[in-house]
Amino acid sequence: MKLPVIKQLINFAAEKDADYLQETIETLESVTEVETLKDEELDVIGELLSNLYGAMEVQSEIEKGATQKDALNGFMKRVLGSIDK
């Protein structure tokens, strides 16, 4: 996951609509079912999906009243905490 990408996606969702993120997730998940994709291509799609899911989670926290900074920090702490386990 890349924080600058997640920030960009959050800004995009705020500017346009968060539904675009969900639709993109659904589209990319569908693409992963193509049997001829190479491992490298799946890795790229997986990274994009991780960033999109992260942005959706942060966006949800912002909608609940958190500042963008607090929502991003909380999300990254959870991610880093899950990696340490």
N, C-alpha and C. Protein backbone atom coordinates (compact mmCIF):
# COMPACT_ATOMS: atom_id res chain seq x y z
N MET A 1 0.83 -1.17 0.00
CA MET A 1 0.00 0.00 0.00
C MET A 1 0.88 1.24 0.00
N LYS A 2 0.41 2.21 -0.74
CA LYS A 2 1.16 3.46 -0.84
C LYS A 2 0.26 4.61 -0.39
N LEU A 3 0.71 5.28 0.66
CA LEU A 3 -0.07 6.36 1.24
C LEU A 3 -0.40 7.46 0.22
N PRO A 4 0.55 7.89 -0.63
CA PRO A 4 0.20 8.92 -1.62
C PRO A 4 -0.92 8.47 -2.57
N VAL A 5 -0.93 7.21 -2.92
CA VAL A 5 -1.99 6.70 -3.81
C VAL A 5 -3.32 6.70 -3.07
N ILE A 6 -3.32 6.28 -1.81
CA ILE A 6 -4.55 6.28 -1.03
C ILE A 6 -5.08 7.69 -0.86
N LYS A 7 -4.18 8.65 -0.60
CA LYS A 7 -4.60 10.05 -0.48
C LYS A 7 -5.24 10.53 -1.78
N GLN A 8 -4.63 10.20 -2.91
CA GLN A 8 -5.16 10.61 -4.21
C GLN A 8 -6.55 10.01 -4.43
N LEU A 9 -6.71 8.75 -4.07
CA LEU A 9 -8.01 8.10 -4.24
C LEU A 9 -9.07 8.72 -3.34
N ILE A 10 -8.68 9.10 -2.11
CA ILE A 10 -9.62 9.76 -1.20
C ILE A 10 -10.04 11.11 -1.78
N ASN A 11 -9.08 11.85 -2.28
CA ASN A 11 -9.40 13.14 -2.89
C ASN A 11 -10.31 12.98 -4.10
N PHE A 12 -10.03 11.96 -4.90
CA PHE A 12 -10.87 11.67 -6.06
C PHE A 12 -12.30 11.35 -5.63
N ALA A 13 -12.43 10.51 -4.60
CA ALA A 13 -13.76 10.12 -4.12
C ALA A 13 -14.52 11.32 -3.57
N ALA A 14 -13.80 12.21 -2.89
CA ALA A 14 -14.44 13.40 -2.33
C ALA A 14 -14.88 14.35 -3.45
N GLU A 15 -14.08 14.42 -4.49
CA GLU A 15 -14.36 15.32 -5.60
C GLU A 15 -15.47 14.77 -6.51
N LYS A 16 -15.44 13.49 -6.74
CA LYS A 16 -16.40 12.86 -7.66
C LYS A 16 -17.47 12.14 -6.85
N ASP A 17 -17.18 10.86 -6.53
CA ASP A 17 -18.12 10.03 -5.79
C ASP A 17 -17.40 8.75 -5.39
N ALA A 18 -17.60 8.31 -4.16
CA ALA A 18 -16.94 7.09 -3.68
C ALA A 18 -17.41 5.85 -4.44
N ASP A 19 -18.56 5.93 -5.09
CA ASP A 19 -19.04 4.79 -5.87
C ASP A 19 -18.07 4.41 -6.98
N TYR A 20 -17.34 5.39 -7.49
CA TYR A 20 -16.35 5.09 -8.53
C TYR A 20 -15.30 4.11 -8.00
N LEU A 21 -14.91 4.28 -6.74
CA LEU A 21 -13.91 3.38 -6.16
C LEU A 21 -14.46 1.96 -6.08
N GLN A 22 -15.70 1.84 -5.61
CA GLN A 22 -16.32 0.51 -5.51
C GLN A 22 -16.45 -0.14 -6.88
N GLU A 23 -16.84 0.63 -7.87
CA GLU A 23 -16.99 0.08 -9.22
C GLU A 23 -15.63 -0.34 -9.79
N THR A 24 -14.60 0.43 -9.49
CA THR A 24 -13.26 0.07 -9.94
C THR A 24 -12.80 -1.22 -9.28
N ILE A 25 -13.08 -1.36 -8.00
CA ILE A 25 -12.74 -2.61 -7.29
C ILE A 25 -13.41 -3.79 -7.96
N GLU A 26 -14.70 -3.66 -8.22
CA GLU A 26 -15.44 -4.76 -8.84
C GLU A 26 -14.87 -5.10 -10.22
N THR A 27 -14.50 -4.08 -10.98
CA THR A 27 -13.94 -4.29 -12.31
C THR A 27 -12.60 -5.02 -12.22
N LEU A 28 -11.72 -4.54 -11.34
CA LEU A 28 -10.40 -5.18 -11.21
C LEU A 28 -10.52 -6.61 -10.69
N GLU A 29 -11.44 -6.84 -9.76
CA GLU A 29 -11.62 -8.21 -9.27
C GLU A 29 -12.09 -9.12 -10.39
N SER A 30 -12.91 -8.60 -11.27
CA SER A 30 -13.36 -9.39 -12.41
C SER A 30 -12.20 -9.71 -13.35
N VAL A 31 -11.33 -8.73 -13.55
CA VAL A 31 -10.18 -8.93 -14.44
C VAL A 31 -9.25 -10.02 -13.90
N THR A 32 -9.17 -10.15 -12.59
CA THR A 32 -8.25 -11.17 -12.02
C THR A 32 -8.67 -12.59 -12.39
N GLU A 33 -9.87 -12.75 -12.89
CA GLU A 33 -10.33 -14.09 -13.26
C GLU A 33 -9.84 -14.53 -14.63
N VAL A 34 -9.18 -13.64 -15.36
CA VAL A 34 -8.63 -14.00 -16.67
C VAL A 34 -7.49 -14.99 -16.45
N GLU A 35 -7.61 -16.15 -17.03
CA GLU A 35 -6.66 -17.23 -16.77
C GLU A 35 -5.27 -16.98 -17.35
N THR A 36 -5.15 -16.14 -18.35
CA THR A 36 -3.87 -15.94 -19.01
C THR A 36 -3.03 -14.83 -18.38
N LEU A 37 -3.51 -14.22 -17.31
CA LEU A 37 -2.73 -13.16 -16.66
C LEU A 37 -1.46 -13.75 -16.05
N LYS A 38 -0.39 -13.01 -16.17
CA LYS A 38 0.88 -13.41 -15.58
C LYS A 38 0.90 -13.00 -14.11
N ASP A 39 1.79 -13.63 -13.35
CA ASP A 39 1.91 -13.32 -11.92
C ASP A 39 2.21 -11.85 -11.69
N GLU A 40 3.06 -11.27 -12.52
CA GLU A 40 3.40 -9.86 -12.37
C GLU A 40 2.17 -8.96 -12.56
N GLU A 41 1.34 -9.33 -13.52
CA GLU A 41 0.13 -8.56 -13.77
C GLU A 41 -0.85 -8.68 -12.59
N LEU A 42 -0.96 -9.88 -12.05
CA LEU A 42 -1.82 -10.07 -10.88
C LEU A 42 -1.29 -9.29 -9.67
N ASP A 43 0.03 -9.22 -9.55
CA ASP A 43 0.62 -8.45 -8.45
C ASP A 43 0.25 -6.97 -8.56
N VAL A 44 0.30 -6.43 -9.77
CA VAL A 44 -0.05 -5.02 -9.98
C VAL A 44 -1.52 -4.79 -9.66
N ILE A 45 -2.37 -5.68 -10.13
CA ILE A 45 -3.80 -5.55 -9.85
C ILE A 45 -4.04 -5.67 -8.34
N GLY A 46 -3.34 -6.58 -7.69
CA GLY A 46 -3.47 -6.75 -6.24
C GLY A 46 -3.07 -5.50 -5.49
N GLU A 47 -2.01 -4.86 -5.93
CA GLU A 47 -1.55 -3.62 -5.28
C GLU A 47 -2.60 -2.51 -5.48
N LEU A 48 -3.15 -2.42 -6.67
CA LEU A 48 -4.20 -1.43 -6.92
C LEU A 48 -5.43 -1.70 -6.04
N LEU A 49 -5.80 -2.96 -5.94
CA LEU A 49 -6.95 -3.32 -5.09
C LEU A 49 -6.68 -2.98 -3.63
N SER A 50 -5.48 -3.24 -3.15
CA SER A 50 -5.13 -2.91 -1.77
C SER A 50 -5.29 -1.42 -1.51
N ASN A 51 -4.80 -0.62 -2.44
CA ASN A 51 -4.92 0.83 -2.30
C ASN A 51 -6.37 1.28 -2.35
N LEU A 52 -7.15 0.69 -3.23
CA LEU A 52 -8.56 1.05 -3.34
C LEU A 52 -9.33 0.68 -2.07
N TYR A 53 -9.09 -0.53 -1.56
CA TYR A 53 -9.76 -0.93 -0.32
C TYR A 53 -9.32 -0.04 0.84
N GLY A 54 -8.05 0.31 0.88
CA GLY A 54 -7.57 1.21 1.92
C GLY A 54 -8.24 2.56 1.84
N ALA A 55 -8.37 3.09 0.63
CA ALA A 55 -9.03 4.38 0.44
C ALA A 55 -10.49 4.32 0.86
N MET A 56 -11.15 3.22 0.55
CA MET A 56 -12.54 3.07 0.95
C MET A 56 -12.68 3.07 2.48
N GLU A 57 -11.76 2.38 3.14
CA GLU A 57 -11.80 2.32 4.60
C GLU A 57 -11.54 3.70 5.21
N VAL A 58 -10.54 4.39 4.70
CA VAL A 58 -10.23 5.74 5.20
C VAL A 58 -11.39 6.68 4.92
N GLN A 59 -11.97 6.59 3.74
CA GLN A 59 -13.10 7.43 3.37
C GLN A 59 -14.27 7.19 4.33
N SER A 60 -14.48 5.96 4.72
CA SER A 60 -15.54 5.63 5.66
C SER A 60 -15.31 6.31 7.01
N GLU A 61 -14.06 6.30 7.47
CA GLU A 61 -13.73 6.96 8.74
C GLU A 61 -13.93 8.47 8.64
N ILE A 62 -13.60 9.04 7.50
CA ILE A 62 -13.80 10.48 7.30
C ILE A 62 -15.29 10.81 7.34
N GLU A 63 -16.10 9.97 6.72
CA GLU A 63 -17.54 10.19 6.73
C GLU A 63 -18.12 10.10 8.13
N LYS A 64 -17.46 9.33 9.01
CA LYS A 64 -17.90 9.20 10.40
C LYS A 64 -17.44 10.38 11.25
N GLY A 65 -16.65 11.29 10.65
CA GLY A 65 -16.26 12.49 11.37
C GLY A 65 -14.78 12.65 11.65
N ALA A 66 -13.98 11.67 11.30
CA ALA A 66 -12.53 11.79 11.51
C ALA A 66 -11.93 12.75 10.48
N THR A 67 -10.86 13.41 10.86
CA THR A 67 -10.14 14.22 9.89
C THR A 67 -9.41 13.28 8.95
N GLN A 68 -9.04 13.78 7.79
CA GLN A 68 -8.31 12.94 6.84
C GLN A 68 -7.00 12.46 7.46
N LYS A 69 -6.32 13.36 8.16
CA LYS A 69 -5.04 13.00 8.78
C LYS A 69 -5.23 11.89 9.81
N ASP A 70 -6.23 12.03 10.69
CA ASP A 70 -6.47 11.02 11.72
C ASP A 70 -6.91 9.69 11.11
N ALA A 71 -7.74 9.76 10.09
CA ALA A 71 -8.21 8.54 9.43
C ALA A 71 -7.05 7.81 8.76
N LEU A 72 -6.18 8.56 8.09
CA LEU A 72 -5.01 7.95 7.44
C LEU A 72 -4.05 7.36 8.46
N ASN A 73 -3.78 8.11 9.53
CA ASN A 73 -2.88 7.62 10.57
C ASN A 73 -3.42 6.36 11.23
N GLY A 74 -4.71 6.37 11.55
CA GLY A 74 -5.32 5.19 12.16
C GLY A 74 -5.27 3.99 11.25
N PHE A 75 -5.53 4.21 9.98
CA PHE A 75 -5.48 3.12 9.02
C PHE A 75 -4.07 2.54 8.91
N MET A 76 -3.08 3.41 8.79
CA MET A 76 -1.71 2.93 8.64
C MET A 76 -1.24 2.20 9.91
N LYS A 77 -1.67 2.64 11.08
CA LYS A 77 -1.33 1.93 12.32
C LYS A 77 -1.92 0.53 12.31
N ARG A 78 -3.18 0.41 11.85
CA ARG A 78 -3.80 -0.92 11.78
C ARG A 78 -3.06 -1.81 10.79
N VAL A 79 -2.67 -1.25 9.66
CA VAL A 79 -1.96 -2.03 8.64
C VAL A 79 -0.61 -2.48 9.20
N LEU A 80 0.14 -1.56 9.76
CA LEU A 80 1.45 -1.92 10.32
C LEU A 80 1.31 -2.89 11.47
N GLY A 81 0.27 -2.74 12.29
CA GLY A 81 0.03 -3.66 13.40
C GLY A 81 -0.28 -5.06 12.91
N SER A 82 -1.00 -5.17 11.80
CA SER A 82 -1.32 -6.51 11.27
C SER A 82 -0.09 -7.16 10.63
N ILE A 83 0.83 -6.35 10.14
CA ILE A 83 2.06 -6.89 9.55
C ILE A 83 2.97 -7.45 10.64
N ASP A 84 2.97 -6.78 11.80
CA ASP A 84 3.84 -7.19 12.91
C ASP A 84 3.40 -8.52 13.51
N LYS A 85 2.15 -8.92 13.31
CA LYS A 85 1.64 -10.15 13.93
C LYS A 85 2.12 -11.37 13.22
